[in-house]
Amino acid sequence: MFGVFDGHGGGEVAKYAKAHYEEGLRQIEEYKQGDFKEGFRKSFLQVDISLNNGGLEEVAQTKRDNPPAKSPLMKILGDVTGKKS
């Protein structure tokens, strides 16, 4: 399977979708029966629902495990102002 997860909720949400989407899609009855349009629709909703039912904690843990690096510009601004960003 190939998919583009653009991470509107951040890169961690894209990683969550990557980790959970395909297995969820395979469980959708419409997908199994060849109704791919409805299967994909339901599977997208299923990932969204799973985020609100505990998935956001997994997303938060991913972010804690891999904190975002400061952008080069923010590093320079921090050096100039003396503030840590």
PDB file of N, CA and C in Angstrom:
ATOM      1  N   MET A   1       0.835  -1.170   0.000  1.00  0.00           N
ATOM      2  CA  MET A   1       0.000   0.000   0.000  1.00  0.00           C
ATOM      3  C   MET A   1       0.879   1.232   0.000  1.00  0.00           C
ATOM      4  N   PHE A   2       0.416   2.244  -0.681  1.00  0.00           N
ATOM      5  CA  PHE A   2       1.118   3.522  -0.738  1.00  0.00           C
ATOM      6  C   PHE A   2       0.168   4.598  -0.263  1.00  0.00           C
ATOM      7  N   GLY A   3       0.640   5.485   0.599  1.00  0.00           N
ATOM      8  CA  GLY A   3      -0.193   6.582   1.072  1.00  0.00           C
ATOM      9  C   GLY A   3       0.650   7.791   1.397  1.00  0.00           C
ATOM     10  N   VAL A   4       0.031   8.941   1.336  1.00  0.00           N
ATOM     11  CA  VAL A   4       0.694  10.180   1.727  1.00  0.00           C
ATOM     12  C   VAL A   4      -0.044  10.705   2.952  1.00  0.00           C
ATOM     13  N   PHE A   5       0.655  10.759   4.066  1.00  0.00           N
ATOM     14  CA  PHE A   5       0.084  11.261   5.301  1.00  0.00           C
ATOM     15  C   PHE A   5       0.784  12.579   5.584  1.00  0.00           C
ATOM     16  N   ASP A   6       0.092  13.685   5.338  1.00  0.00           N
ATOM     17  CA  ASP A   6       0.759  14.984   5.378  1.00  0.00           C
ATOM     18  C   ASP A   6       0.859  15.593   6.764  1.00  0.00           C
ATOM     19  N   GLY A   7       0.245  15.005   7.749  1.00  0.00           N
ATOM     20  CA  GLY A   7       0.454  15.457   9.113  1.00  0.00           C
ATOM     21  C   GLY A   7      -0.161  16.791   9.457  1.00  0.00           C
ATOM     22  N   HIS A   8      -1.420  17.041   9.044  1.00  0.00           N
ATOM     23  CA  HIS A   8      -2.081  18.289   9.428  1.00  0.00           C
ATOM     24  C   HIS A   8      -2.047  18.482  10.934  1.00  0.00           C
ATOM     25  N   GLY A   9      -2.068  17.393  11.673  1.00  0.00           N
ATOM     26  CA  GLY A   9      -1.983  17.482  13.126  1.00  0.00           C
ATOM     27  C   GLY A   9      -0.556  17.389  13.614  1.00  0.00           C
ATOM     28  N   GLY A  10       0.389  17.446  12.718  1.00  0.00           N
ATOM     29  CA  GLY A  10       1.799  17.321  13.057  1.00  0.00           C
ATOM     30  C   GLY A  10       2.355  16.018  12.516  1.00  0.00           C
ATOM     31  N   GLY A  11       3.657  15.955  12.449  1.00  0.00           N
ATOM     32  CA  GLY A  11       4.318  14.764  11.929  1.00  0.00           C
ATOM     33  C   GLY A  11       4.007  13.520  12.733  1.00  0.00           C
ATOM     34  N   GLU A  12       3.753  13.697  14.031  1.00  0.00           N
ATOM     35  CA  GLU A  12       3.454  12.546  14.880  1.00  0.00           C
ATOM     36  C   GLU A  12       2.114  11.910  14.509  1.00  0.00           C
ATOM     37  N   VAL A  13       1.153  12.736  14.098  1.00  0.00           N
ATOM     38  CA  VAL A  13      -0.148  12.202  13.662  1.00  0.00           C
ATOM     39  C   VAL A  13       0.030  11.415  12.365  1.00  0.00           C
ATOM     40  N   ALA A  14       0.886  11.915  11.482  1.00  0.00           N
ATOM     41  CA  ALA A  14       1.175  11.185  10.244  1.00  0.00           C
ATOM     42  C   ALA A  14       1.802   9.831  10.562  1.00  0.00           C
ATOM     43  N   LYS A  15       2.695   9.796  11.539  1.00  0.00           N
ATOM     44  CA  LYS A  15       3.310   8.529  11.943  1.00  0.00           C
ATOM     45  C   LYS A  15       2.266   7.587  12.539  1.00  0.00           C
ATOM     46  N   TYR A  16       1.347   8.139  13.317  1.00  0.00           N
ATOM     47  CA  TYR A  16       0.264   7.329  13.894  1.00  0.00           C
ATOM     48  C   TYR A  16      -0.578   6.707  12.778  1.00  0.00           C
ATOM     49  N   ALA A  17      -0.956   7.530  11.806  1.00  0.00           N
ATOM     50  CA  ALA A  17      -1.760   7.033  10.691  1.00  0.00           C
ATOM     51  C   ALA A  17      -1.013   5.947   9.934  1.00  0.00           C
ATOM     52  N   LYS A  18       0.258   6.162   9.700  1.00  0.00           N
ATOM     53  CA  LYS A  18       1.068   5.163   8.999  1.00  0.00           C
ATOM     54  C   LYS A  18       1.075   3.839   9.763  1.00  0.00           C
ATOM     55  N   ALA A  19       1.179   3.917  11.074  1.00  0.00           N
ATOM     56  CA  ALA A  19       1.264   2.714  11.900  1.00  0.00           C
ATOM     57  C   ALA A  19      -0.067   1.970  12.003  1.00  0.00           C
ATOM     58  N   HIS A  20      -1.196   2.672  11.892  1.00  0.00           N
ATOM     59  CA  HIS A  20      -2.487   2.051  12.185  1.00  0.00           C
ATOM     60  C   HIS A  20      -3.445   1.942  11.007  1.00  0.00           C
ATOM     61  N   TYR A  21      -3.206   2.702   9.961  1.00  0.00           N
ATOM     62  CA  TYR A  21      -4.199   2.790   8.890  1.00  0.00           C
ATOM     63  C   TYR A  21      -4.429   1.476   8.146  1.00  0.00           C
ATOM     64  N   GLU A  22      -3.367   0.864   7.676  1.00  0.00           N
ATOM     65  CA  GLU A  22      -3.518  -0.304   6.808  1.00  0.00           C
ATOM     66  C   GLU A  22      -4.261  -1.453   7.490  1.00  0.00           C
ATOM     67  N   GLU A  23      -3.903  -1.745   8.724  1.00  0.00           N
ATOM     68  CA  GLU A  23      -4.585  -2.835   9.438  1.00  0.00           C
ATOM     69  C   GLU A  23      -6.067  -2.517   9.632  1.00  0.00           C
ATOM     70  N   GLY A  24      -6.363  -1.253   9.946  1.00  0.00           N
ATOM     71  CA  GLY A  24      -7.765  -0.853  10.095  1.00  0.00           C
ATOM     72  C   GLY A  24      -8.525  -0.994   8.792  1.00  0.00           C
ATOM     73  N   LEU A  25      -7.910  -0.616   7.696  1.00  0.00           N
ATOM     74  CA  LEU A  25      -8.555  -0.738   6.383  1.00  0.00           C
ATOM     75  C   LEU A  25      -8.904  -2.190   6.089  1.00  0.00           C
ATOM     76  N   ARG A  26      -8.002  -3.093   6.388  1.00  0.00           N
ATOM     77  CA  ARG A  26      -8.233  -4.524   6.106  1.00  0.00           C
ATOM     78  C   ARG A  26      -9.401  -5.097   6.897  1.00  0.00           C
ATOM     79  N   GLN A  27      -9.791  -4.440   7.969  1.00  0.00           N
ATOM     80  CA  GLN A  27     -10.893  -4.934   8.803  1.00  0.00           C
ATOM     81  C   GLN A  27     -12.254  -4.393   8.377  1.00  0.00           C
ATOM     82  N   ILE A  28     -12.288  -3.432   7.481  1.00  0.00           N
ATOM     83  CA  ILE A  28     -13.543  -2.826   7.034  1.00  0.00           C
ATOM     84  C   ILE A  28     -14.253  -3.777   6.073  1.00  0.00           C
ATOM     85  N   GLU A  29     -15.480  -4.133   6.389  1.00  0.00           N
ATOM     86  CA  GLU A  29     -16.236  -5.099   5.572  1.00  0.00           C
ATOM     87  C   GLU A  29     -16.385  -4.647   4.126  1.00  0.00           C
ATOM     88  N   GLU A  30     -16.702  -3.386   3.924  1.00  0.00           N
ATOM     89  CA  GLU A  30     -16.894  -2.890   2.557  1.00  0.00           C
ATOM     90  C   GLU A  30     -15.610  -3.052   1.732  1.00  0.00           C
ATOM     91  N   TYR A  31     -14.484  -2.806   2.354  1.00  0.00           N
ATOM     92  CA  TYR A  31     -13.204  -2.974   1.658  1.00  0.00           C
ATOM     93  C   TYR A  31     -13.003  -4.440   1.282  1.00  0.00           C
ATOM     94  N   LYS A  32     -13.275  -5.334   2.235  1.00  0.00           N
ATOM     95  CA  LYS A  32     -13.129  -6.769   1.974  1.00  0.00           C
ATOM     96  C   LYS A  32     -14.013  -7.221   0.820  1.00  0.00           C
ATOM     97  N   GLN A  33     -15.173  -6.594   0.679  1.00  0.00           N
ATOM     98  CA  GLN A  33     -16.134  -6.983  -0.355  1.00  0.00           C
ATOM     99  C   GLN A  33     -15.893  -6.261  -1.685  1.00  0.00           C
ATOM    100  N   GLY A  34     -14.860  -5.447  -1.756  1.00  0.00           N
ATOM    101  CA  GLY A  34     -14.526  -4.773  -3.006  1.00  0.00           C
ATOM    102  C   GLY A  34     -15.121  -3.395  -3.179  1.00  0.00           C
ATOM    103  N   ASP A  35     -15.855  -2.911  -2.177  1.00  0.00           N
ATOM    104  CA  ASP A  35     -16.384  -1.546  -2.240  1.00  0.00           C
ATOM    105  C   ASP A  35     -15.304  -0.624  -1.669  1.00  0.00           C
ATOM    106  N   PHE A  36     -14.290  -0.352  -2.502  1.00  0.00           N
ATOM    107  CA  PHE A  36     -13.114   0.376  -2.038  1.00  0.00           C
ATOM    108  C   PHE A  36     -13.426   1.815  -1.654  1.00  0.00           C
ATOM    109  N   LYS A  37     -14.313   2.456  -2.393  1.00  0.00           N
ATOM    110  CA  LYS A  37     -14.656   3.841  -2.076  1.00  0.00           C
ATOM    111  C   LYS A  37     -15.192   3.949  -0.652  1.00  0.00           C
ATOM    112  N   GLU A  38     -16.157   3.115  -0.316  1.00  0.00           N
ATOM    113  CA  GLU A  38     -16.736   3.148   1.030  1.00  0.00           C
ATOM    114  C   GLU A  38     -15.742   2.629   2.065  1.00  0.00           C
ATOM    115  N   GLY A  39     -14.948   1.650   1.698  1.00  0.00           N
ATOM    116  CA  GLY A  39     -13.934   1.121   2.609  1.00  0.00           C
ATOM    117  C   GLY A  39     -12.910   2.172   2.999  1.00  0.00           C
ATOM    118  N   PHE A  40     -12.444   2.927   1.994  1.00  0.00           N
ATOM    119  CA  PHE A  40     -11.486   3.993   2.291  1.00  0.00           C
ATOM    120  C   PHE A  40     -12.135   5.092   3.126  1.00  0.00           C
ATOM    121  N   ARG A  41     -13.364   5.455   2.793  1.00  0.00           N
ATOM    122  CA  ARG A  41     -14.055   6.494   3.559  1.00  0.00           C
ATOM    123  C   ARG A  41     -14.147   6.097   5.025  1.00  0.00           C
ATOM    124  N   LYS A  42     -14.613   4.870   5.268  1.00  0.00           N
ATOM    125  CA  LYS A  42     -14.774   4.409   6.653  1.00  0.00           C
ATOM    126  C   LYS A  42     -13.433   4.275   7.367  1.00  0.00           C
ATOM    127  N   SER A  43     -12.409   3.863   6.642  1.00  0.00           N
ATOM    128  CA  SER A  43     -11.114   3.673   7.292  1.00  0.00           C
ATOM    129  C   SER A  43     -10.498   5.005   7.710  1.00  0.00           C
ATOM    130  N   PHE A  44     -10.692   6.050   6.911  1.00  0.00           N
ATOM    131  CA  PHE A  44     -10.200   7.373   7.311  1.00  0.00           C
ATOM    132  C   PHE A  44     -10.912   7.832   8.579  1.00  0.00           C
ATOM    133  N   LEU A  45     -12.224   7.630   8.614  1.00  0.00           N
ATOM    134  CA  LEU A  45     -12.984   8.008   9.808  1.00  0.00           C
ATOM    135  C   LEU A  45     -12.549   7.190  11.015  1.00  0.00           C
ATOM    136  N   GLN A  46     -12.244   5.918  10.780  1.00  0.00           N
ATOM    137  CA  GLN A  46     -11.818   5.036  11.867  1.00  0.00           C
ATOM    138  C   GLN A  46     -10.514   5.530  12.500  1.00  0.00           C
ATOM    139  N   VAL A  47      -9.575   5.964  11.689  1.00  0.00           N
ATOM    140  CA  VAL A  47      -8.319   6.499  12.239  1.00  0.00           C
ATOM    141  C   VAL A  47      -8.600   7.759  13.039  1.00  0.00           C
ATOM    142  N   ASP A  48      -9.462   8.620  12.528  1.00  0.00           N
ATOM    143  CA  ASP A  48      -9.806   9.847  13.243  1.00  0.00           C
ATOM    144  C   ASP A  48     -10.442   9.527  14.594  1.00  0.00           C
ATOM    145  N   ILE A  49     -11.349   8.584  14.609  1.00  0.00           N
ATOM    146  CA  ILE A  49     -12.004   8.175  15.857  1.00  0.00           C
ATOM    147  C   ILE A  49     -10.987   7.571  16.817  1.00  0.00           C
ATOM    148  N   SER A  50     -10.077   6.745  16.296  1.00  0.00           N
ATOM    149  CA  SER A  50      -9.095   6.102  17.172  1.00  0.00           C
ATOM    150  C   SER A  50      -8.154   7.128  17.804  1.00  0.00           C
ATOM    151  N   LEU A  51      -7.891   8.219  17.090  1.00  0.00           N
ATOM    152  CA  LEU A  51      -7.072   9.286  17.680  1.00  0.00           C
ATOM    153  C   LEU A  51      -7.750   9.867  18.909  1.00  0.00           C
ATOM    154  N   ASN A  52      -9.055  10.010  18.856  1.00  0.00           N
ATOM    155  CA  ASN A  52      -9.794  10.587  19.978  1.00  0.00           C
ATOM    156  C   ASN A  52     -10.120   9.572  21.064  1.00  0.00           C
ATOM    157  N   ASN A  53      -9.836   8.320  20.812  1.00  0.00           N
ATOM    158  CA  ASN A  53     -10.095   7.264  21.799  1.00  0.00           C
ATOM    159  C   ASN A  53      -8.789   6.618  22.248  1.00  0.00           C
ATOM    160  N   GLY A  54      -7.835   7.435  22.638  1.00  0.00           N
ATOM    161  CA  GLY A  54      -6.572   6.928  23.159  1.00  0.00           C
ATOM    162  C   GLY A  54      -5.385   7.127  22.242  1.00  0.00           C
ATOM    163  N   GLY A  55      -5.617   7.332  20.975  1.00  0.00           N
ATOM    164  CA  GLY A  55      -4.519   7.499  20.038  1.00  0.00           C
ATOM    165  C   GLY A  55      -3.709   8.754  20.263  1.00  0.00           C
ATOM    166  N   LEU A  56      -4.349   9.787  20.783  1.00  0.00           N
ATOM    167  CA  LEU A  56      -3.618  11.037  21.020  1.00  0.00           C
ATOM    168  C   LEU A  56      -2.532  10.858  22.070  1.00  0.00           C
ATOM    169  N   GLU A  57      -2.732   9.932  22.992  1.00  0.00           N
ATOM    170  CA  GLU A  57      -1.683   9.653  23.976  1.00  0.00           C
ATOM    171  C   GLU A  57      -0.479   9.019  23.284  1.00  0.00           C
ATOM    172  N   GLU A  58      -0.744   8.135  22.331  1.00  0.00           N
ATOM    173  CA  GLU A  58       0.358   7.542  21.553  1.00  0.00           C
ATOM    174  C   GLU A  58       1.091   8.625  20.757  1.00  0.00           C
ATOM    175  N   VAL A  59       0.340   9.558  20.185  1.00  0.00           N
ATOM    176  CA  VAL A  59       0.927  10.669  19.439  1.00  0.00           C
ATOM    177  C   VAL A  59       1.796  11.515  20.369  1.00  0.00           C
ATOM    178  N   ALA A  60       1.280  11.816  21.555  1.00  0.00           N
ATOM    179  CA  ALA A  60       2.034  12.624  22.523  1.00  0.00           C
ATOM    180  C   ALA A  60       3.310  11.905  22.954  1.00  0.00           C
ATOM    181  N   GLN A  61       3.222  10.601  23.142  1.00  0.00           N
ATOM    182  CA  GLN A  61       4.406   9.830  23.535  1.00  0.00           C
ATOM    183  C   GLN A  61       5.449   9.846  22.424  1.00  0.00           C
ATOM    184  N   THR A  62       5.000   9.747  21.190  1.00  0.00           N
ATOM    185  CA  THR A  62       5.921   9.823  20.048  1.00  0.00           C
ATOM    186  C   THR A  62       6.641  11.164  20.050  1.00  0.00           C
ATOM    187  N   LYS A  63       5.906  12.235  20.334  1.00  0.00           N
ATOM    188  CA  LYS A  63       6.514  13.571  20.364  1.00  0.00           C
ATOM    189  C   LYS A  63       7.499  13.688  21.524  1.00  0.00           C
ATOM    190  N   ARG A  64       7.149  13.110  22.676  1.00  0.00           N
ATOM    191  CA  ARG A  64       8.080  13.146  23.818  1.00  0.00           C
ATOM    192  C   ARG A  64       9.345  12.348  23.521  1.00  0.00           C
ATOM    193  N   ASP A  65       9.191  11.225  22.833  1.00  0.00           N
ATOM    194  CA  ASP A  65      10.327  10.377  22.497  1.00  0.00           C
ATOM    195  C   ASP A  65      11.229  11.000  21.433  1.00  0.00           C
ATOM    196  N   ASN A  66      10.652  11.861  20.592  1.00  0.00           N
ATOM    197  CA  ASN A  66      11.386  12.490  19.491  1.00  0.00           C
ATOM    198  C   ASN A  66      11.066  13.972  19.441  1.00  0.00           C
ATOM    199  N   PRO A  67      11.569  14.756  20.399  1.00  0.00           N
ATOM    200  CA  PRO A  67      11.229  16.183  20.408  1.00  0.00           C
ATOM    201  C   PRO A  67      11.725  16.876  19.137  1.00  0.00           C
ATOM    202  N   PRO A  68      10.931  17.824  18.630  1.00  0.00           N
ATOM    203  CA  PRO A  68      11.341  18.512  17.408  1.00  0.00           C
ATOM    204  C   PRO A  68      12.608  19.336  17.649  1.00  0.00           C
ATOM    205  N   ALA A  69      13.458  19.346  16.652  1.00  0.00           N
ATOM    206  CA  ALA A  69      14.687  20.144  16.741  1.00  0.00           C
ATOM    207  C   ALA A  69      14.353  21.600  16.460  1.00  0.00           C
ATOM    208  N   LYS A  70      15.117  22.494  17.043  1.00  0.00           N
ATOM    209  CA  LYS A  70      14.930  23.918  16.755  1.00  0.00           C
ATOM    210  C   LYS A  70      15.338  24.178  15.312  1.00  0.00           C
ATOM    211  N   SER A  71      14.624  25.057  14.684  1.00  0.00           N
ATOM    212  CA  SER A  71      15.006  25.449  13.333  1.00  0.00           C
ATOM    213  C   SER A  71      16.284  26.275  13.417  1.00  0.00           C
ATOM    214  N   PRO A  72      17.086  26.269  12.362  1.00  0.00           N
ATOM    215  CA  PRO A  72      18.312  27.084  12.378  1.00  0.00           C
ATOM    216  C   PRO A  72      18.041  28.556  12.689  1.00  0.00           C
ATOM    217  N   LEU A  73      16.934  29.085  12.156  1.00  0.00           N
ATOM    218  CA  LEU A  73      16.608  30.489  12.417  1.00  0.00           C
ATOM    219  C   LEU A  73      16.361  30.722  13.902  1.00  0.00           C
ATOM    220  N   MET A  74      15.634  29.829  14.548  1.00  0.00           N
ATOM    221  CA  MET A  74      15.361  30.002  15.978  1.00  0.00           C
ATOM    222  C   MET A  74      16.642  29.887  16.792  1.00  0.00           C
ATOM    223  N   LYS A  75      17.576  29.049  16.371  1.00  0.00           N
ATOM    224  CA  LYS A  75      18.858  28.953  17.066  1.00  0.00           C
ATOM    225  C   LYS A  75      19.611  30.278  16.971  1.00  0.00           C
ATOM    226  N   ILE A  76      19.615  30.862  15.782  1.00  0.00           N
ATOM    227  CA  ILE A  76      20.302  32.144  15.590  1.00  0.00           C
ATOM    228  C   ILE A  76      19.637  33.228  16.420  1.00  0.00           C
ATOM    229  N   LEU A  77      18.305  33.296  16.386  1.00  0.00           N
ATOM    230  CA  LEU A  77      17.589  34.313  17.160  1.00  0.00           C
ATOM    231  C   LEU A  77      17.844  34.153  18.646  1.00  0.00           C
ATOM    232  N   GLY A  78      17.898  32.901  19.106  1.00  0.00           N
ATOM    233  CA  GLY A  78      18.195  32.663  20.510  1.00  0.00           C
ATOM    234  C   GLY A  78      19.581  33.151  20.885  1.00  0.00           C
ATOM    235  N   ASP A  79      20.536  32.962  19.974  1.00  0.00           N
ATOM    236  CA  ASP A  79      21.908  33.419  20.228  1.00  0.00           C
ATOM    237  C   ASP A  79      21.965  34.941  20.277  1.00  0.00           C
ATOM    238  N   VAL A  80      21.217  35.596  19.406  1.00  0.00           N
ATOM    239  CA  VAL A  80      21.243  37.064  19.315  1.00  0.00           C
ATOM    240  C   VAL A  80      20.554  37.693  20.525  1.00  0.00           C
ATOM    241  N   THR A  81      19.422  37.159  20.920  1.00  0.00           N
ATOM    242  CA  THR A  81      18.640  37.746  22.006  1.00  0.00           C
ATOM    243  C   THR A  81      19.075  37.257  23.381  1.00  0.00           C
ATOM    244  N   GLY A  82      19.820  36.158  23.406  1.00  0.00           N
ATOM    245  CA  GLY A  82      20.222  35.588  24.681  1.00  0.00           C
ATOM    246  C   GLY A  82      19.144  34.741  25.309  1.00  0.00           C
ATOM    247  N   LYS A  83      17.992  34.621  24.637  1.00  0.00           N
ATOM    248  CA  LYS A  83      16.894  33.810  25.147  1.00  0.00           C
ATOM    249  C   LYS A  83      16.978  32.415  24.569  1.00  0.00           C
ATOM    250  N   LYS A  84      16.595  31.447  25.372  1.00  0.00           N
ATOM    251  CA  LYS A  84      16.512  30.074  24.881  1.00  0.00           C
ATOM    252  C   LYS A  84      15.114  29.878  24.316  1.00  0.00           C
ATOM    253  N   SER A  85      15.056  29.404  23.078  1.00  0.00           N
ATOM    254  CA  SER A  85      13.741  29.190  22.470  1.00  0.00           C
ATOM    255  C   SER A  85      13.337  27.752  22.576  1.00  0.00           C
TER     256      SER A  85
END
